[in-house]
Amino acid sequence: MNREMSFDTTQADTLQTLDTPCLLLDEVRMERNIKRLHAHLNSLRVER
């Protein structure tokens, strides 16, 4: 399943200028963790 979502975003010059609360997401790390979790669940034979 591939879902594309679009959100309005603002760009801050520095971390100090971000409005808070604010979610900062490392997309590369997140994708890597999702793949690791998926592989682990497959090894346990977990099904949806």
PDB file of N, CA and C in Angstrom:
ATOM      1  N   MET A   1       0.849  -1.164   0.000  1.00  0.00           N
ATOM      2  CA  MET A   1       0.000   0.000   0.000  1.00  0.00           C
ATOM      3  C   MET A   1       0.901   1.236   0.000  1.00  0.00           C
ATOM      4  N   ASN A   2       0.691   2.125  -0.945  1.00  0.00           N
ATOM      5  CA  ASN A   2       1.495   3.333  -1.041  1.00  0.00           C
ATOM      6  C   ASN A   2       0.564   4.532  -0.974  1.00  0.00           C
ATOM      7  N   ARG A   3       0.659   5.274   0.108  1.00  0.00           N
ATOM      8  CA  ARG A   3      -0.203   6.441   0.285  1.00  0.00           C
ATOM      9  C   ARG A   3       0.645   7.695   0.225  1.00  0.00           C
ATOM     10  N   GLU A   4       0.273   8.610  -0.628  1.00  0.00           N
ATOM     11  CA  GLU A   4       0.945   9.900  -0.708  1.00  0.00           C
ATOM     12  C   GLU A   4       0.033  10.928  -0.044  1.00  0.00           C
ATOM     13  N   MET A   5       0.603  11.704   0.857  1.00  0.00           N
ATOM     14  CA  MET A   5      -0.162  12.750   1.518  1.00  0.00           C
ATOM     15  C   MET A   5       0.553  14.069   1.316  1.00  0.00           C
ATOM     16  N   SER A   6      -0.203  15.118   1.240  1.00  0.00           N
ATOM     17  CA  SER A   6       0.379  16.441   1.075  1.00  0.00           C
ATOM     18  C   SER A   6      -0.062  17.321   2.235  1.00  0.00           C
ATOM     19  N   PHE A   7       0.880  18.044   2.794  1.00  0.00           N
ATOM     20  CA  PHE A   7       0.586  18.934   3.904  1.00  0.00           C
ATOM     21  C   PHE A   7       1.217  20.289   3.633  1.00  0.00           C
ATOM     22  N   ASP A   8       0.579  21.322   4.135  1.00  0.00           N
ATOM     23  CA  ASP A   8       1.204  22.637   4.080  1.00  0.00           C
ATOM     24  C   ASP A   8       2.366  22.640   5.055  1.00  0.00           C
ATOM     25  N   THR A   9       3.497  23.115   4.606  1.00  0.00           N
ATOM     26  CA  THR A   9       4.667  23.159   5.477  1.00  0.00           C
ATOM     27  C   THR A   9       5.252  24.556   5.463  1.00  0.00           C
ATOM     28  N   THR A  10       5.902  24.879   6.548  1.00  0.00           N
ATOM     29  CA  THR A  10       6.649  26.129   6.608  1.00  0.00           C
ATOM     30  C   THR A  10       8.106  25.769   6.788  1.00  0.00           C
ATOM     31  N   GLN A  11       8.957  26.665   6.366  1.00  0.00           N
ATOM     32  CA  GLN A  11      10.382  26.401   6.463  1.00  0.00           C
ATOM     33  C   GLN A  11      10.994  27.416   7.415  1.00  0.00           C
ATOM     34  N   ALA A  12      11.706  26.921   8.399  1.00  0.00           N
ATOM     35  CA  ALA A  12      12.368  27.781   9.373  1.00  0.00           C
ATOM     36  C   ALA A  12      13.852  27.845   9.044  1.00  0.00           C
ATOM     37  N   ASP A  13      14.449  28.985   9.326  1.00  0.00           N
ATOM     38  CA  ASP A  13      15.881  29.132   9.075  1.00  0.00           C
ATOM     39  C   ASP A  13      16.714  28.362  10.088  1.00  0.00           C
ATOM     40  N   THR A  14      16.249  28.296  11.322  1.00  0.00           N
ATOM     41  CA  THR A  14      16.984  27.592  12.375  1.00  0.00           C
ATOM     42  C   THR A  14      15.998  26.854  13.264  1.00  0.00           C
ATOM     43  N   LEU A  15      16.515  25.951  14.081  1.00  0.00           N
ATOM     44  CA  LEU A  15      15.650  25.247  15.032  1.00  0.00           C
ATOM     45  C   LEU A  15      15.000  26.223  16.000  1.00  0.00           C
ATOM     46  N   GLN A  16      15.688  27.300  16.327  1.00  0.00           N
ATOM     47  CA  GLN A  16      15.154  28.272  17.277  1.00  0.00           C
ATOM     48  C   GLN A  16      13.953  29.034  16.714  1.00  0.00           C
ATOM     49  N   THR A  17      13.808  29.084  15.397  1.00  0.00           N
ATOM     50  CA  THR A  17      12.696  29.831  14.808  1.00  0.00           C
ATOM     51  C   THR A  17      11.487  28.957  14.484  1.00  0.00           C
ATOM     52  N   LEU A  18      11.566  27.670  14.782  1.00  0.00           N
ATOM     53  CA  LEU A  18      10.420  26.785  14.549  1.00  0.00           C
ATOM     54  C   LEU A  18       9.307  27.085  15.540  1.00  0.00           C
ATOM     55  N   ASP A  19       8.075  27.050  15.042  1.00  0.00           N
ATOM     56  CA  ASP A  19       6.931  27.123  15.950  1.00  0.00           C
ATOM     57  C   ASP A  19       6.867  25.812  16.714  1.00  0.00           C
ATOM     58  N   THR A  20       6.501  25.888  17.978  1.00  0.00           N
ATOM     59  CA  THR A  20       6.409  24.668  18.782  1.00  0.00           C
ATOM     60  C   THR A  20       4.984  24.491  19.276  1.00  0.00           C
ATOM     61  N   PRO A  21       4.546  23.257  19.505  1.00  0.00           N
ATOM     62  CA  PRO A  21       5.288  22.023  19.278  1.00  0.00           C
ATOM     63  C   PRO A  21       5.462  21.770  17.784  1.00  0.00           C
ATOM     64  N   CYS A  22       6.500  21.040  17.452  1.00  0.00           N
ATOM     65  CA  CYS A  22       6.828  20.785  16.053  1.00  0.00           C
ATOM     66  C   CYS A  22       7.416  19.384  15.913  1.00  0.00           C
ATOM     67  N   LEU A  23       6.968  18.653  14.932  1.00  0.00           N
ATOM     68  CA  LEU A  23       7.503  17.327  14.651  1.00  0.00           C
ATOM     69  C   LEU A  23       8.653  17.461  13.665  1.00  0.00           C
ATOM     70  N   LEU A  24       9.811  16.951  14.058  1.00  0.00           N
ATOM     71  CA  LEU A  24      10.960  16.885  13.153  1.00  0.00           C
ATOM     72  C   LEU A  24      11.159  15.426  12.798  1.00  0.00           C
ATOM     73  N   LEU A  25      11.161  15.127  11.527  1.00  0.00           N
ATOM     74  CA  LEU A  25      11.180  13.744  11.079  1.00  0.00           C
ATOM     75  C   LEU A  25      12.387  13.496  10.190  1.00  0.00           C
ATOM     76  N   ASP A  26      13.154  12.489  10.524  1.00  0.00           N
ATOM     77  CA  ASP A  26      14.264  12.045   9.683  1.00  0.00           C
ATOM     78  C   ASP A  26      13.700  10.951   8.784  1.00  0.00           C
ATOM     79  N   GLU A  27      13.353  11.325   7.566  1.00  0.00           N
ATOM     80  CA  GLU A  27      12.643  10.410   6.672  1.00  0.00           C
ATOM     81  C   GLU A  27      13.484   9.183   6.311  1.00  0.00           C
ATOM     82  N   VAL A  28      14.780   9.362   6.111  1.00  0.00           N
ATOM     83  CA  VAL A  28      15.653   8.235   5.779  1.00  0.00           C
ATOM     84  C   VAL A  28      15.681   7.239   6.931  1.00  0.00           C
ATOM     85  N   ARG A  29      15.839   7.737   8.143  1.00  0.00           N
ATOM     86  CA  ARG A  29      15.870   6.862   9.319  1.00  0.00           C
ATOM     87  C   ARG A  29      14.528   6.165   9.512  1.00  0.00           C
ATOM     88  N   MET A  30      13.426   6.906   9.313  1.00  0.00           N
ATOM     89  CA  MET A  30      12.100   6.324   9.471  1.00  0.00           C
ATOM     90  C   MET A  30      11.896   5.175   8.481  1.00  0.00           C
ATOM     91  N   GLU A  31      12.243   5.401   7.213  1.00  0.00           N
ATOM     92  CA  GLU A  31      12.086   4.355   6.199  1.00  0.00           C
ATOM     93  C   GLU A  31      12.936   3.135   6.534  1.00  0.00           C
ATOM     94  N   ARG A  32      14.154   3.357   7.010  1.00  0.00           N
ATOM     95  CA  ARG A  32      15.031   2.249   7.396  1.00  0.00           C
ATOM     96  C   ARG A  32      14.414   1.453   8.547  1.00  0.00           C
ATOM     97  N   ASN A  33      13.856   2.144   9.532  1.00  0.00           N
ATOM     98  CA  ASN A  33      13.233   1.464  10.669  1.00  0.00           C
ATOM     99  C   ASN A  33      11.989   0.687  10.256  1.00  0.00           C
ATOM    100  N   ILE A  34      11.223   1.234   9.338  1.00  0.00           N
ATOM    101  CA  ILE A  34      10.033   0.529   8.844  1.00  0.00           C
ATOM    102  C   ILE A  34      10.446  -0.763   8.150  1.00  0.00           C
ATOM    103  N   LYS A  35      11.501  -0.695   7.333  1.00  0.00           N
ATOM    104  CA  LYS A  35      11.983  -1.900   6.647  1.00  0.00           C
ATOM    105  C   LYS A  35      12.488  -2.937   7.643  1.00  0.00           C
ATOM    106  N   ARG A  36      13.206  -2.492   8.677  1.00  0.00           N
ATOM    107  CA  ARG A  36      13.698  -3.420   9.698  1.00  0.00           C
ATOM    108  C   ARG A  36      12.539  -4.078  10.442  1.00  0.00           C
ATOM    109  N   LEU A  37      11.532  -3.288  10.799  1.00  0.00           N
ATOM    110  CA  LEU A  37      10.372  -3.833  11.495  1.00  0.00           C
ATOM    111  C   LEU A  37       9.637  -4.832  10.607  1.00  0.00           C
ATOM    112  N   HIS A  38       9.467  -4.486   9.339  1.00  0.00           N
ATOM    113  CA  HIS A  38       8.789  -5.378   8.403  1.00  0.00           C
ATOM    114  C   HIS A  38       9.530  -6.709   8.291  1.00  0.00           C
ATOM    115  N   ALA A  39      10.855  -6.651   8.176  1.00  0.00           N
ATOM    116  CA  ALA A  39      11.655  -7.881   8.092  1.00  0.00           C
ATOM    117  C   ALA A  39      11.517  -8.705   9.370  1.00  0.00           C
ATOM    118  N   HIS A  40      11.524  -8.036  10.505  1.00  0.00           N
ATOM    119  CA  HIS A  40      11.392  -8.749  11.781  1.00  0.00           C
ATOM    120  C   HIS A  40      10.027  -9.429  11.887  1.00  0.00           C
ATOM    121  N   LEU A  41       8.978  -8.707  11.531  1.00  0.00           N
ATOM    122  CA  LEU A  41       7.635  -9.292  11.590  1.00  0.00           C
ATOM    123  C   LEU A  41       7.498 -10.456  10.613  1.00  0.00           C
ATOM    124  N   ASN A  42       8.118 -10.332   9.442  1.00  0.00           N
ATOM    125  CA  ASN A  42       8.104 -11.453   8.489  1.00  0.00           C
ATOM    126  C   ASN A  42       8.809 -12.669   9.069  1.00  0.00           C
ATOM    127  N   SER A  43       9.911 -12.454   9.780  1.00  0.00           N
ATOM    128  CA  SER A  43      10.641 -13.583  10.371  1.00  0.00           C
ATOM    129  C   SER A  43       9.810 -14.286  11.440  1.00  0.00           C
ATOM    130  N   LEU A  44       8.889 -13.549  12.055  1.00  0.00           N
ATOM    131  CA  LEU A  44       7.993 -14.130  13.057  1.00  0.00           C
ATOM    132  C   LEU A  44       6.712 -14.675  12.431  1.00  0.00           C
ATOM    133  N   ARG A  45       6.612 -14.539  11.116  1.00  0.00           N
ATOM    134  CA  ARG A  45       5.438 -14.980  10.353  1.00  0.00           C
ATOM    135  C   ARG A  45       4.153 -14.270  10.792  1.00  0.00           C
ATOM    136  N   VAL A  46       4.288 -12.998  11.119  1.00  0.00           N
ATOM    137  CA  VAL A  46       3.130 -12.179  11.480  1.00  0.00           C
ATOM    138  C   VAL A  46       2.443 -11.752  10.189  1.00  0.00           C
ATOM    139  N   GLU A  47       1.133 -11.941  10.144  1.00  0.00           N
ATOM    140  CA  GLU A  47       0.359 -11.556   8.969  1.00  0.00           C
ATOM    141  C   GLU A  47      -0.616 -10.459   9.336  1.00  0.00           C
ATOM    142  N   ARG A  48      -1.014  -9.704   8.314  1.00  0.00           N
ATOM    143  CA  ARG A  48      -1.995  -8.644   8.549  1.00  0.00           C
ATOM    144  C   ARG A  48      -3.367  -9.223   8.719  1.00  0.00           C
TER     145      ARG A  48
END
